[in-house]
Amino acid sequence: EVRIQASNGSREPVAVRPGLELSQVFLGELAGDSYSFHGVVVETAK
């Protein structure tokens, strides 16, 4: 589990947008073969 926390210690309003960045290099076994899929998969809100 990842918990992201941001606070404003300044005297002015601050806009923030918590999030994560996911990265992966497909080498070796992760690359699979020319017939296998590797890339990004998203389940949409719908």
PDB file of all heavy atoms in Angstrom:
ATOM      1  N   GLU A   1       0.834  -1.197   0.000  1.00  0.00           N
ATOM      2  CA  GLU A   1       0.000   0.000   0.000  1.00  0.00           C
ATOM      3  C   GLU A   1       0.866   1.243   0.000  1.00  0.00           C
ATOM      4  O   GLU A   1       1.885   1.317   0.695  1.00  0.00           O
ATOM      5  CB  GLU A   1      -0.922   0.007   1.222  1.00  0.00           C
ATOM      6  CG  GLU A   1      -1.914   1.156   1.230  1.00  0.00           C
ATOM      7  CD  GLU A   1      -2.869   1.092   2.411  1.00  0.00           C
ATOM      8  OE1 GLU A   1      -2.840   0.067   3.144  1.00  0.00           O
ATOM      9  OE2 GLU A   1      -3.634   2.059   2.609  1.00  0.00           O
ATOM     10  N   VAL A   2       0.439   2.214  -0.797  1.00  0.00           N
ATOM     11  CA  VAL A   2       1.145   3.497  -0.877  1.00  0.00           C
ATOM     12  C   VAL A   2       0.209   4.592  -0.362  1.00  0.00           C
ATOM     13  O   VAL A   2      -0.926   4.719  -0.831  1.00  0.00           O
ATOM     14  CB  VAL A   2       1.577   3.814  -2.321  1.00  0.00           C
ATOM     15  CG1 VAL A   2       2.277   5.175  -2.373  1.00  0.00           C
ATOM     16  CG2 VAL A   2       2.486   2.723  -2.861  1.00  0.00           C
ATOM     17  N   ARG A   3       0.680   5.356   0.611  1.00  0.00           N
ATOM     18  CA  ARG A   3      -0.094   6.477   1.149  1.00  0.00           C
ATOM     19  C   ARG A   3       0.631   7.776   0.802  1.00  0.00           C
ATOM     20  O   ARG A   3       1.772   7.986   1.202  1.00  0.00           O
ATOM     21  CB  ARG A   3      -0.249   6.346   2.667  1.00  0.00           C
ATOM     22  CG  ARG A   3      -0.955   5.068   3.109  1.00  0.00           C
ATOM     23  CD  ARG A   3      -1.193   5.073   4.615  1.00  0.00           C
ATOM     24  NE  ARG A   3      -1.792   3.816   5.056  1.00  0.00           N
ATOM     25  CZ  ARG A   3      -1.095   2.806   5.548  1.00  0.00           C
ATOM     26  NH1 ARG A   3       0.223   2.911   5.674  1.00  0.00           N
ATOM     27  NH2 ARG A   3      -1.703   1.698   5.918  1.00  0.00           N
ATOM     28  N   ILE A   4      -0.053   8.614   0.065  1.00  0.00           N
ATOM     29  CA  ILE A   4       0.522   9.899  -0.359  1.00  0.00           C
ATOM     30  C   ILE A   4      -0.108  11.007   0.475  1.00  0.00           C
ATOM     31  O   ILE A   4      -1.335  11.088   0.594  1.00  0.00           O
ATOM     32  CB  ILE A   4       0.254  10.143  -1.861  1.00  0.00           C
ATOM     33  CG1 ILE A   4       0.796   8.980  -2.696  1.00  0.00           C
ATOM     34  CG2 ILE A   4       0.886  11.453  -2.309  1.00  0.00           C
ATOM     35  CD1 ILE A   4       0.311   8.985  -4.114  1.00  0.00           C
ATOM     36  N   GLN A   5       0.725  11.844   1.031  1.00  0.00           N
ATOM     37  CA  GLN A   5       0.237  12.911   1.901  1.00  0.00           C
ATOM     38  C   GLN A   5       0.936  14.219   1.535  1.00  0.00           C
ATOM     39  O   GLN A   5       2.154  14.262   1.363  1.00  0.00           O
ATOM     40  CB  GLN A   5       0.520  12.558   3.357  1.00  0.00           C
ATOM     41  CG  GLN A   5       0.085  13.593   4.362  1.00  0.00           C
ATOM     42  CD  GLN A   5       0.295  13.120   5.781  1.00  0.00           C
ATOM     43  OE1 GLN A   5      -0.289  12.126   6.209  1.00  0.00           O
ATOM     44  NE2 GLN A   5       1.146  13.821   6.533  1.00  0.00           N
ATOM     45  N   ALA A   6       0.146  15.256   1.361  1.00  0.00           N
ATOM     46  CA  ALA A   6       0.703  16.579   1.049  1.00  0.00           C
ATOM     47  C   ALA A   6       0.070  17.611   1.966  1.00  0.00           C
ATOM     48  O   ALA A   6      -1.135  17.558   2.247  1.00  0.00           O
ATOM     49  CB  ALA A   6       0.442  16.929  -0.408  1.00  0.00           C
ATOM     50  N   SER A   7       0.873  18.521   2.452  1.00  0.00           N
ATOM     51  CA  SER A   7       0.362  19.579   3.329  1.00  0.00           C
ATOM     52  C   SER A   7       0.913  20.926   2.875  1.00  0.00           C
ATOM     53  O   SER A   7       1.960  21.013   2.233  1.00  0.00           O
ATOM     54  CB  SER A   7       0.751  19.311   4.785  1.00  0.00           C
ATOM     55  OG  SER A   7       2.167  19.243   4.919  1.00  0.00           O
ATOM     56  N   ASN A   8       0.211  21.967   3.195  1.00  0.00           N
ATOM     57  CA  ASN A   8       0.602  23.320   2.821  1.00  0.00           C
ATOM     58  C   ASN A   8       1.128  24.057   4.050  1.00  0.00           C
ATOM     59  O   ASN A   8       0.354  24.462   4.929  1.00  0.00           O
ATOM     60  CB  ASN A   8      -0.591  24.059   2.216  1.00  0.00           C
ATOM     61  CG  ASN A   8      -0.217  25.460   1.751  1.00  0.00           C
ATOM     62  OD1 ASN A   8       0.957  25.828   1.749  1.00  0.00           O
ATOM     63  ND2 ASN A   8      -1.222  26.230   1.345  1.00  0.00           N
ATOM     64  N   GLY A   9       2.452  24.199   4.109  1.00  0.00           N
ATOM     65  CA  GLY A   9       3.067  24.906   5.228  1.00  0.00           C
ATOM     66  C   GLY A   9       3.347  26.362   4.927  1.00  0.00           C
ATOM     67  O   GLY A   9       3.963  27.060   5.742  1.00  0.00           O
ATOM     68  N   SER A  10       2.881  26.819   3.752  1.00  0.00           N
ATOM     69  CA  SER A  10       3.126  28.217   3.378  1.00  0.00           C
ATOM     70  C   SER A  10       1.971  29.104   3.843  1.00  0.00           C
ATOM     71  O   SER A  10       1.036  28.646   4.490  1.00  0.00           O
ATOM     72  CB  SER A  10       3.266  28.328   1.856  1.00  0.00           C
ATOM     73  OG  SER A  10       2.018  28.083   1.228  1.00  0.00           O
ATOM     74  N   ARG A  11       2.037  30.361   3.463  1.00  0.00           N
ATOM     75  CA  ARG A  11       0.995  31.312   3.831  1.00  0.00           C
ATOM     76  C   ARG A  11       0.032  31.576   2.675  1.00  0.00           C
ATOM     77  O   ARG A  11      -0.890  32.387   2.802  1.00  0.00           O
ATOM     78  CB  ARG A  11       1.623  32.629   4.285  1.00  0.00           C
ATOM     79  CG  ARG A  11       2.489  32.503   5.533  1.00  0.00           C
ATOM     80  CD  ARG A  11       3.063  33.840   5.941  1.00  0.00           C
ATOM     81  NE  ARG A  11       3.876  33.723   7.156  1.00  0.00           N
ATOM     82  CZ  ARG A  11       4.508  34.732   7.721  1.00  0.00           C
ATOM     83  NH1 ARG A  11       4.410  35.965   7.189  1.00  0.00           N
ATOM     84  NH2 ARG A  11       5.231  34.535   8.808  1.00  0.00           N
ATOM     85  N   GLU A  12       0.253  30.892   1.565  1.00  0.00           N
ATOM     86  CA  GLU A  12      -0.581  31.084   0.378  1.00  0.00           C
ATOM     87  C   GLU A  12      -1.229  29.765  -0.024  1.00  0.00           C
ATOM     88  O   GLU A  12      -0.702  28.687   0.259  1.00  0.00           O
ATOM     89  CB  GLU A  12       0.273  31.608  -0.797  1.00  0.00           C
ATOM     90  CG  GLU A  12       0.978  32.927  -0.526  1.00  0.00           C
ATOM     91  CD  GLU A  12      -0.002  34.084  -0.389  1.00  0.00           C
ATOM     92  OE1 GLU A  12      -1.103  33.993  -0.983  1.00  0.00           O
ATOM     93  OE2 GLU A  12       0.332  35.047   0.311  1.00  0.00           O
ATOM     94  N   PRO A  13      -2.396  29.818  -0.688  1.00  0.00           N
ATOM     95  CA  PRO A  13      -3.022  28.591  -1.188  1.00  0.00           C
ATOM     96  C   PRO A  13      -2.114  27.891  -2.204  1.00  0.00           C
ATOM     97  O   PRO A  13      -1.411  28.556  -2.980  1.00  0.00           O
ATOM     98  CB  PRO A  13      -4.309  29.097  -1.857  1.00  0.00           C
ATOM     99  CG  PRO A  13      -4.571  30.437  -1.231  1.00  0.00           C
ATOM    100  CD  PRO A  13      -3.211  31.016  -0.942  1.00  0.00           C
ATOM    101  N   VAL A  14      -2.125  26.591  -2.173  1.00  0.00           N
ATOM    102  CA  VAL A  14      -1.282  25.796  -3.078  1.00  0.00           C
ATOM    103  C   VAL A  14      -2.142  24.712  -3.733  1.00  0.00           C
ATOM    104  O   VAL A  14      -2.910  24.018  -3.057  1.00  0.00           O
ATOM    105  CB  VAL A  14      -0.119  25.124  -2.320  1.00  0.00           C
ATOM    106  CG1 VAL A  14       0.684  24.230  -3.256  1.00  0.00           C
ATOM    107  CG2 VAL A  14       0.791  26.172  -1.695  1.00  0.00           C
ATOM    108  N   ALA A  15      -2.020  24.576  -5.052  1.00  0.00           N
ATOM    109  CA  ALA A  15      -2.736  23.527  -5.791  1.00  0.00           C
ATOM    110  C   ALA A  15      -1.858  22.279  -5.850  1.00  0.00           C
ATOM    111  O   ALA A  15      -0.691  22.358  -6.225  1.00  0.00           O
ATOM    112  CB  ALA A  15      -3.087  24.002  -7.191  1.00  0.00           C
ATOM    113  N   VAL A  16      -2.413  21.161  -5.452  1.00  0.00           N
ATOM    114  CA  VAL A  16      -1.671  19.895  -5.503  1.00  0.00           C
ATOM    115  C   VAL A  16      -2.531  18.835  -6.179  1.00  0.00           C
ATOM    116  O   VAL A  16      -3.769  18.924  -6.192  1.00  0.00           O
ATOM    117  CB  VAL A  16      -1.270  19.406  -4.086  1.00  0.00           C
ATOM    118  CG1 VAL A  16      -0.342  20.387  -3.416  1.00  0.00           C
ATOM    119  CG2 VAL A  16      -2.494  19.139  -3.235  1.00  0.00           C
ATOM    120  N   ARG A  17      -1.853  17.825  -6.710  1.00  0.00           N
ATOM    121  CA  ARG A  17      -2.559  16.696  -7.310  1.00  0.00           C
ATOM    122  C   ARG A  17      -1.767  15.424  -7.050  1.00  0.00           C
ATOM    123  O   ARG A  17      -0.835  15.103  -7.792  1.00  0.00           O
ATOM    124  CB  ARG A  17      -2.754  16.897  -8.805  1.00  0.00           C
ATOM    125  CG  ARG A  17      -3.752  15.912  -9.384  1.00  0.00           C
ATOM    126  CD  ARG A  17      -4.136  16.246 -10.778  1.00  0.00           C
ATOM    127  NE  ARG A  17      -5.242  15.409 -11.190  1.00  0.00           N
ATOM    128  CZ  ARG A  17      -5.691  15.333 -12.435  1.00  0.00           C
ATOM    129  NH1 ARG A  17      -5.120  16.058 -13.383  1.00  0.00           N
ATOM    130  NH2 ARG A  17      -6.704  14.546 -12.728  1.00  0.00           N
ATOM    131  N   PRO A  18      -2.097  14.682  -5.986  1.00  0.00           N
ATOM    132  CA  PRO A  18      -1.344  13.469  -5.654  1.00  0.00           C
ATOM    133  C   PRO A  18      -1.476  12.430  -6.763  1.00  0.00           C
ATOM    134  O   PRO A  18      -2.500  12.340  -7.444  1.00  0.00           O
ATOM    135  CB  PRO A  18      -2.021  12.980  -4.367  1.00  0.00           C
ATOM    136  CG  PRO A  18      -2.799  14.145  -3.857  1.00  0.00           C
ATOM    137  CD  PRO A  18      -3.194  14.932  -5.049  1.00  0.00           C
ATOM    138  N   GLY A  19      -0.437  11.618  -6.921  1.00  0.00           N
ATOM    139  CA  GLY A  19      -0.484  10.561  -7.918  1.00  0.00           C
ATOM    140  C   GLY A  19       0.757   9.699  -7.874  1.00  0.00           C
ATOM    141  O   GLY A  19       1.626   9.860  -7.015  1.00  0.00           O
ATOM    142  N   LEU A  20       0.837   8.792  -8.812  1.00  0.00           N
ATOM    143  CA  LEU A  20       1.976   7.883  -8.926  1.00  0.00           C
ATOM    144  C   LEU A  20       2.409   7.772 -10.373  1.00  0.00           C
ATOM    145  O   LEU A  20       1.594   7.918 -11.296  1.00  0.00           O
ATOM    146  CB  LEU A  20       1.617   6.485  -8.414  1.00  0.00           C
ATOM    147  CG  LEU A  20       1.415   6.286  -6.918  1.00  0.00           C
ATOM    148  CD1 LEU A  20       0.938   4.854  -6.649  1.00  0.00           C
ATOM    149  CD2 LEU A  20       2.704   6.552  -6.159  1.00  0.00           C
ATOM    150  N   GLU A  21       3.686   7.491 -10.552  1.00  0.00           N
ATOM    151  CA  GLU A  21       4.224   7.215 -11.882  1.00  0.00           C
ATOM    152  C   GLU A  21       4.755   5.790 -11.888  1.00  0.00           C
ATOM    153  O   GLU A  21       5.548   5.409 -11.024  1.00  0.00           O
ATOM    154  CB  GLU A  21       5.336   8.205 -12.225  1.00  0.00           C
ATOM    155  CG  GLU A  21       5.798   8.109 -13.660  1.00  0.00           C
ATOM    156  CD  GLU A  21       6.800   9.191 -14.027  1.00  0.00           C
ATOM    157  OE1 GLU A  21       7.996   8.992 -13.771  1.00  0.00           O
ATOM    158  OE2 GLU A  21       6.373  10.248 -14.558  1.00  0.00           O
ATOM    159  N   LEU A  22       4.297   5.012 -12.842  1.00  0.00           N
ATOM    160  CA  LEU A  22       4.654   3.600 -12.943  1.00  0.00           C
ATOM    161  C   LEU A  22       5.532   3.407 -14.174  1.00  0.00           C
ATOM    162  O   LEU A  22       5.175   3.850 -15.268  1.00  0.00           O
ATOM    163  CB  LEU A  22       3.381   2.761 -13.074  1.00  0.00           C
ATOM    164  CG  LEU A  22       3.499   1.244 -13.127  1.00  0.00           C
ATOM    165  CD1 LEU A  22       4.018   0.711 -11.798  1.00  0.00           C
ATOM    166  CD2 LEU A  22       2.141   0.626 -13.435  1.00  0.00           C
ATOM    167  N   SER A  23       6.691   2.785 -13.998  1.00  0.00           N
ATOM    168  CA  SER A  23       7.587   2.559 -15.139  1.00  0.00           C
ATOM    169  C   SER A  23       8.045   1.104 -15.171  1.00  0.00           C
ATOM    170  O   SER A  23       8.188   0.453 -14.136  1.00  0.00           O
ATOM    171  CB  SER A  23       8.800   3.490 -15.073  1.00  0.00           C
ATOM    172  OG  SER A  23       9.580   3.214 -13.929  1.00  0.00           O
ATOM    173  N   GLN A  24       8.260   0.599 -16.371  1.00  0.00           N
ATOM    174  CA  GLN A  24       8.707  -0.784 -16.549  1.00  0.00           C
ATOM    175  C   GLN A  24       9.460  -0.908 -17.868  1.00  0.00           C
ATOM    176  O   GLN A  24       8.992  -0.427 -18.906  1.00  0.00           O
ATOM    177  CB  GLN A  24       7.520  -1.746 -16.550  1.00  0.00           C
ATOM    178  CG  GLN A  24       7.885  -3.196 -16.777  1.00  0.00           C
ATOM    179  CD  GLN A  24       8.737  -3.752 -15.645  1.00  0.00           C
ATOM    180  OE1 GLN A  24       8.304  -3.794 -14.499  1.00  0.00           O
ATOM    181  NE2 GLN A  24       9.943  -4.150 -15.955  1.00  0.00           N
ATOM    182  N   VAL A  25      10.617  -1.550 -17.808  1.00  0.00           N
ATOM    183  CA  VAL A  25      11.380  -1.874 -19.016  1.00  0.00           C
ATOM    184  C   VAL A  25      11.196  -3.358 -19.285  1.00  0.00           C
ATOM    185  O   VAL A  25      11.402  -4.190 -18.399  1.00  0.00           O
ATOM    186  CB  VAL A  25      12.877  -1.534 -18.847  1.00  0.00           C
ATOM    187  CG1 VAL A  25      13.662  -1.957 -20.088  1.00  0.00           C
ATOM    188  CG2 VAL A  25      13.044  -0.038 -18.598  1.00  0.00           C
ATOM    189  N   PHE A  26      10.796  -3.697 -20.498  1.00  0.00           N
ATOM    190  CA  PHE A  26      10.509  -5.079 -20.853  1.00  0.00           C
ATOM    191  C   PHE A  26      11.738  -5.731 -21.478  1.00  0.00           C
ATOM    192  O   PHE A  26      11.937  -5.700 -22.695  1.00  0.00           O
ATOM    193  CB  PHE A  26       9.322  -5.137 -21.811  1.00  0.00           C
ATOM    194  CG  PHE A  26       8.073  -4.516 -21.255  1.00  0.00           C
ATOM    195  CD1 PHE A  26       7.645  -3.269 -21.689  1.00  0.00           C
ATOM    196  CD2 PHE A  26       7.337  -5.163 -20.274  1.00  0.00           C
ATOM    197  CE1 PHE A  26       6.503  -2.688 -21.172  1.00  0.00           C
ATOM    198  CE2 PHE A  26       6.191  -4.594 -19.747  1.00  0.00           C
ATOM    199  CZ  PHE A  26       5.777  -3.354 -20.197  1.00  0.00           C
ATOM    200  N   LEU A  27      12.541  -6.329 -20.626  1.00  0.00           N
ATOM    201  CA  LEU A  27      13.748  -7.027 -21.063  1.00  0.00           C
ATOM    202  C   LEU A  27      13.746  -8.438 -20.492  1.00  0.00           C
ATOM    203  O   LEU A  27      13.114  -8.712 -19.470  1.00  0.00           O
ATOM    204  CB  LEU A  27      15.005  -6.289 -20.601  1.00  0.00           C
ATOM    205  CG  LEU A  27      15.267  -4.911 -21.210  1.00  0.00           C
ATOM    206  CD1 LEU A  27      16.483  -4.271 -20.553  1.00  0.00           C
ATOM    207  CD2 LEU A  27      15.487  -5.020 -22.723  1.00  0.00           C
ATOM    208  N   GLY A  28      14.476  -9.347 -21.131  1.00  0.00           N
ATOM    209  CA  GLY A  28      14.571 -10.719 -20.639  1.00  0.00           C
ATOM    210  C   GLY A  28      13.221 -11.402 -20.654  1.00  0.00           C
ATOM    211  O   GLY A  28      12.487 -11.351 -21.655  1.00  0.00           O
ATOM    212  N   GLU A  29      12.866 -12.046 -19.534  1.00  0.00           N
ATOM    213  CA  GLU A  29      11.592 -12.752 -19.448  1.00  0.00           C
ATOM    214  C   GLU A  29      10.404 -11.801 -19.568  1.00  0.00           C
ATOM    215  O   GLU A  29       9.330 -12.191 -20.032  1.00  0.00           O
ATOM    216  CB  GLU A  29      11.499 -13.522 -18.128  1.00  0.00           C
ATOM    217  CG  GLU A  29      12.457 -14.698 -18.031  1.00  0.00           C
ATOM    218  CD  GLU A  29      12.234 -15.488 -16.747  1.00  0.00           C
ATOM    219  OE1 GLU A  29      11.307 -15.144 -15.987  1.00  0.00           O
ATOM    220  OE2 GLU A  29      12.992 -16.443 -16.518  1.00  0.00           O
ATOM    221  N   LEU A  30      10.574 -10.559 -19.152  1.00  0.00           N
ATOM    222  CA  LEU A  30       9.485  -9.594 -19.243  1.00  0.00           C
ATOM    223  C   LEU A  30       9.162  -9.239 -20.690  1.00  0.00           C
ATOM    224  O   LEU A  30       8.052  -8.819 -21.001  1.00  0.00           O
ATOM    225  CB  LEU A  30       9.849  -8.313 -18.478  1.00  0.00           C
ATOM    226  CG  LEU A  30       9.900  -8.436 -16.956  1.00  0.00           C
ATOM    227  CD1 LEU A  30      10.367  -7.126 -16.350  1.00  0.00           C
ATOM    228  CD2 LEU A  30       8.541  -8.819 -16.396  1.00  0.00           C
ATOM    229  N   ALA A  31      10.138  -9.408 -21.587  1.00  0.00           N
ATOM    230  CA  ALA A  31       9.912  -9.097 -22.996  1.00  0.00           C
ATOM    231  C   ALA A  31       9.066 -10.161 -23.677  1.00  0.00           C
ATOM    232  O   ALA A  31       8.419  -9.908 -24.694  1.00  0.00           O
ATOM    233  CB  ALA A  31      11.247  -8.934 -23.723  1.00  0.00           C
ATOM    234  N   GLY A  32       9.080 -11.391 -23.128  1.00  0.00           N
ATOM    235  CA  GLY A  32       8.313 -12.468 -23.737  1.00  0.00           C
ATOM    236  C   GLY A  32       8.829 -12.793 -25.122  1.00  0.00           C
ATOM    237  O   GLY A  32      10.035 -12.811 -25.371  1.00  0.00           O
ATOM    238  N   ASP A  33       7.909 -13.023 -26.061  1.00  0.00           N
ATOM    239  CA  ASP A  33       8.286 -13.286 -27.444  1.00  0.00           C
ATOM    240  C   ASP A  33       7.535 -12.327 -28.349  1.00  0.00           C
ATOM    241  O   ASP A  33       6.808 -11.446 -27.893  1.00  0.00           O
ATOM    242  CB  ASP A  33       7.979 -14.751 -27.817  1.00  0.00           C
ATOM    243  CG  ASP A  33       6.550 -15.147 -27.471  1.00  0.00           C
ATOM    244  OD1 ASP A  33       5.627 -14.370 -27.813  1.00  0.00           O
ATOM    245  OD2 ASP A  33       6.353 -16.212 -26.871  1.00  0.00           O
ATOM    246  N   SER A  34       7.740 -12.497 -29.658  1.00  0.00           N
ATOM    247  CA  SER A  34       7.139 -11.564 -30.613  1.00  0.00           C
ATOM    248  C   SER A  34       5.621 -11.649 -30.655  1.00  0.00           C
ATOM    249  O   SER A  34       4.952 -10.759 -31.177  1.00  0.00           O
ATOM    250  CB  SER A  34       7.700 -11.825 -32.019  1.00  0.00           C
ATOM    251  OG  SER A  34       7.441 -13.165 -32.416  1.00  0.00           O
ATOM    252  N   TYR A  35       5.060 -12.742 -30.120  1.00  0.00           N
ATOM    253  CA  TYR A  35       3.610 -12.925 -30.148  1.00  0.00           C
ATOM    254  C   TYR A  35       2.929 -12.478 -28.848  1.00  0.00           C
ATOM    255  O   TYR A  35       1.707 -12.373 -28.798  1.00  0.00           O
ATOM    256  CB  TYR A  35       3.259 -14.397 -30.405  1.00  0.00           C
ATOM    257  CG  TYR A  35       3.790 -14.921 -31.715  1.00  0.00           C
ATOM    258  CD1 TYR A  35       4.940 -15.704 -31.750  1.00  0.00           C
ATOM    259  CD2 TYR A  35       3.155 -14.614 -32.907  1.00  0.00           C
ATOM    260  CE1 TYR A  35       5.440 -16.175 -32.952  1.00  0.00           C
ATOM    261  CE2 TYR A  35       3.642 -15.084 -34.113  1.00  0.00           C
ATOM    262  CZ  TYR A  35       4.782 -15.870 -34.133  1.00  0.00           C
ATOM    263  OH  TYR A  35       5.277 -16.333 -35.320  1.00  0.00           O
ATOM    264  N   SER A  36       3.696 -12.255 -27.793  1.00  0.00           N
ATOM    265  CA  SER A  36       3.106 -11.927 -26.500  1.00  0.00           C
ATOM    266  C   SER A  36       2.970 -10.417 -26.330  1.00  0.00           C
ATOM    267  O   SER A  36       3.757  -9.628 -26.858  1.00  0.00           O
ATOM    268  CB  SER A  36       3.955 -12.500 -25.362  1.00  0.00           C
ATOM    269  OG  SER A  36       5.260 -11.982 -25.390  1.00  0.00           O
ATOM    270  N   PHE A  37       1.942 -10.027 -25.581  1.00  0.00           N
ATOM    271  CA  PHE A  37       1.674  -8.614 -25.346  1.00  0.00           C
ATOM    272  C   PHE A  37       2.550  -8.078 -24.223  1.00  0.00           C
ATOM    273  O   PHE A  37       2.751  -8.728 -23.208  1.00  0.00           O
ATOM    274  CB  PHE A  37       0.203  -8.421 -24.968  1.00  0.00           C
ATOM    275  CG  PHE A  37      -0.131  -7.021 -24.555  1.00  0.00           C
ATOM    276  CD1 PHE A  37      -0.478  -6.071 -25.494  1.00  0.00           C
ATOM    277  CD2 PHE A  37      -0.092  -6.645 -23.213  1.00  0.00           C
ATOM    278  CE1 PHE A  37      -0.793  -4.771 -25.110  1.00  0.00           C
ATOM    279  CE2 PHE A  37      -0.399  -5.351 -22.818  1.00  0.00           C
ATOM    280  CZ  PHE A  37      -0.744  -4.420 -23.774  1.00  0.00           C
ATOM    281  N   HIS A  38       3.057  -6.883 -24.398  1.00  0.00           N
ATOM    282  CA  HIS A  38       3.640  -6.131 -23.298  1.00  0.00           C
ATOM    283  C   HIS A  38       3.419  -4.649 -23.579  1.00  0.00           C
ATOM    284  O   HIS A  38       3.648  -4.166 -24.680  1.00  0.00           O
ATOM    285  CB  HIS A  38       5.127  -6.446 -23.059  1.00  0.00           C
ATOM    286  CG  HIS A  38       5.975  -6.493 -24.272  1.00  0.00           C
ATOM    287  ND1 HIS A  38       6.027  -7.565 -25.123  1.00  0.00           N
ATOM    288  CD2 HIS A  38       6.834  -5.588 -24.787  1.00  0.00           C
ATOM    289  CE1 HIS A  38       6.880  -7.333 -26.105  1.00  0.00           C
ATOM    290  NE2 HIS A  38       7.377  -6.126 -25.929  1.00  0.00           N
ATOM    291  N   GLY A  39       2.924  -3.969 -22.558  1.00  0.00           N
ATOM    292  CA  GLY A  39       2.562  -2.573 -22.726  1.00  0.00           C
ATOM    293  C   GLY A  39       1.730  -2.089 -21.555  1.00  0.00           C
ATOM    294  O   GLY A  39       1.952  -2.495 -20.413  1.00  0.00           O
ATOM    295  N   VAL A  40       0.750  -1.249 -21.836  1.00  0.00           N
ATOM    296  CA  VAL A  40      -0.088  -0.628 -20.813  1.00  0.00           C
ATOM    297  C   VAL A  40      -1.506  -1.184 -20.911  1.00  0.00           C
ATOM    298  O   VAL A  40      -2.055  -1.301 -22.014  1.00  0.00           O
ATOM    299  CB  VAL A  40      -0.118   0.907 -20.988  1.00  0.00           C
ATOM    300  CG1 VAL A  40      -1.046   1.548 -19.966  1.00  0.00           C
ATOM    301  CG2 VAL A  40       1.281   1.485 -20.864  1.00  0.00           C
ATOM    302  N   VAL A  41      -2.075  -1.525 -19.769  1.00  0.00           N
ATOM    303  CA  VAL A  41      -3.468  -1.979 -19.704  1.00  0.00           C
ATOM    304  C   VAL A  41      -4.209  -1.095 -18.710  1.00  0.00           C
ATOM    305  O   VAL A  41      -3.715  -0.835 -17.613  1.00  0.00           O
ATOM    306  CB  VAL A  41      -3.578  -3.457 -19.275  1.00  0.00           C
ATOM    307  CG1 VAL A  41      -5.037  -3.906 -19.289  1.00  0.00           C
ATOM    308  CG2 VAL A  41      -2.742  -4.350 -20.180  1.00  0.00           C
ATOM    309  N   VAL A  42      -5.398  -0.634 -19.106  1.00  0.00           N
ATOM    310  CA  VAL A  42      -6.187   0.269 -18.268  1.00  0.00           C
ATOM    311  C   VAL A  42      -7.610  -0.271 -18.151  1.00  0.00           C
ATOM    312  O   VAL A  42      -8.237  -0.600 -19.169  1.00  0.00           O
ATOM    313  CB  VAL A  42      -6.240   1.693 -18.869  1.00  0.00           C
ATOM    314  CG1 VAL A  42      -7.124   2.596 -18.017  1.00  0.00           C
ATOM    315  CG2 VAL A  42      -4.842   2.269 -19.009  1.00  0.00           C
ATOM    316  N   GLU A  43      -8.106  -0.370 -16.909  1.00  0.00           N
ATOM    317  CA  GLU A  43      -9.543  -0.595 -16.741  1.00  0.00           C
ATOM    318  C   GLU A  43     -10.183   0.760 -16.511  1.00  0.00           C
ATOM    319  O   GLU A  43      -9.914   1.435 -15.509  1.00  0.00           O
ATOM    320  CB  GLU A  43      -9.871  -1.515 -15.563  1.00  0.00           C
ATOM    321  CG  GLU A  43     -11.385  -1.765 -15.504  1.00  0.00           C
ATOM    322  CD  GLU A  43     -11.847  -2.567 -14.306  1.00  0.00           C
ATOM    323  OE1 GLU A  43     -11.099  -2.681 -13.323  1.00  0.00           O
ATOM    324  OE2 GLU A  43     -12.980  -3.069 -14.361  1.00  0.00           O
ATOM    325  N   THR A  44     -11.025   1.170 -17.442  1.00  0.00           N
ATOM    326  CA  THR A  44     -11.640   2.495 -17.367  1.00  0.00           C
ATOM    327  C   THR A  44     -12.713   2.535 -16.287  1.00  0.00           C
ATOM    328  O   THR A  44     -13.140   1.499 -15.759  1.00  0.00           O
ATOM    329  CB  THR A  44     -12.266   2.872 -18.722  1.00  0.00           C
ATOM    330  OG1 THR A  44     -13.365   1.983 -19.003  1.00  0.00           O
ATOM    331  CG2 THR A  44     -11.243   2.775 -19.837  1.00  0.00           C
ATOM    332  N   ALA A  45     -13.169   3.737 -15.984  1.00  0.00           N
ATOM    333  CA  ALA A  45     -14.208   3.916 -14.970  1.00  0.00           C
ATOM    334  C   ALA A  45     -15.499   3.218 -15.366  1.00  0.00           C
ATOM    335  O   ALA A  45     -16.297   2.838 -14.506  1.00  0.00           O
ATOM    336  CB  ALA A  45     -14.458   5.410 -14.758  1.00  0.00           C
ATOM    337  N   LYS A  46     -15.701   3.002 -16.665  1.00  0.00           N
ATOM    338  CA  LYS A  46     -16.904   2.331 -17.150  1.00  0.00           C
ATOM    339  C   LYS A  46     -16.760   0.812 -17.161  1.00  0.00           C
ATOM    340  O   LYS A  46     -17.697   0.109 -17.517  1.00  0.00           O
ATOM    341  CB  LYS A  46     -17.247   2.826 -18.550  1.00  0.00           C
ATOM    342  CG  LYS A  46     -17.606   4.313 -18.605  1.00  0.00           C
ATOM    343  CD  LYS A  46     -17.949   4.746 -20.014  1.00  0.00           C
ATOM    344  CE  LYS A  46     -18.332   6.220 -20.060  1.00  0.00           C
ATOM    345  NZ  LYS A  46     -18.678   6.663 -21.441  1.00  0.00           N
TER     346      LYS A  46
END
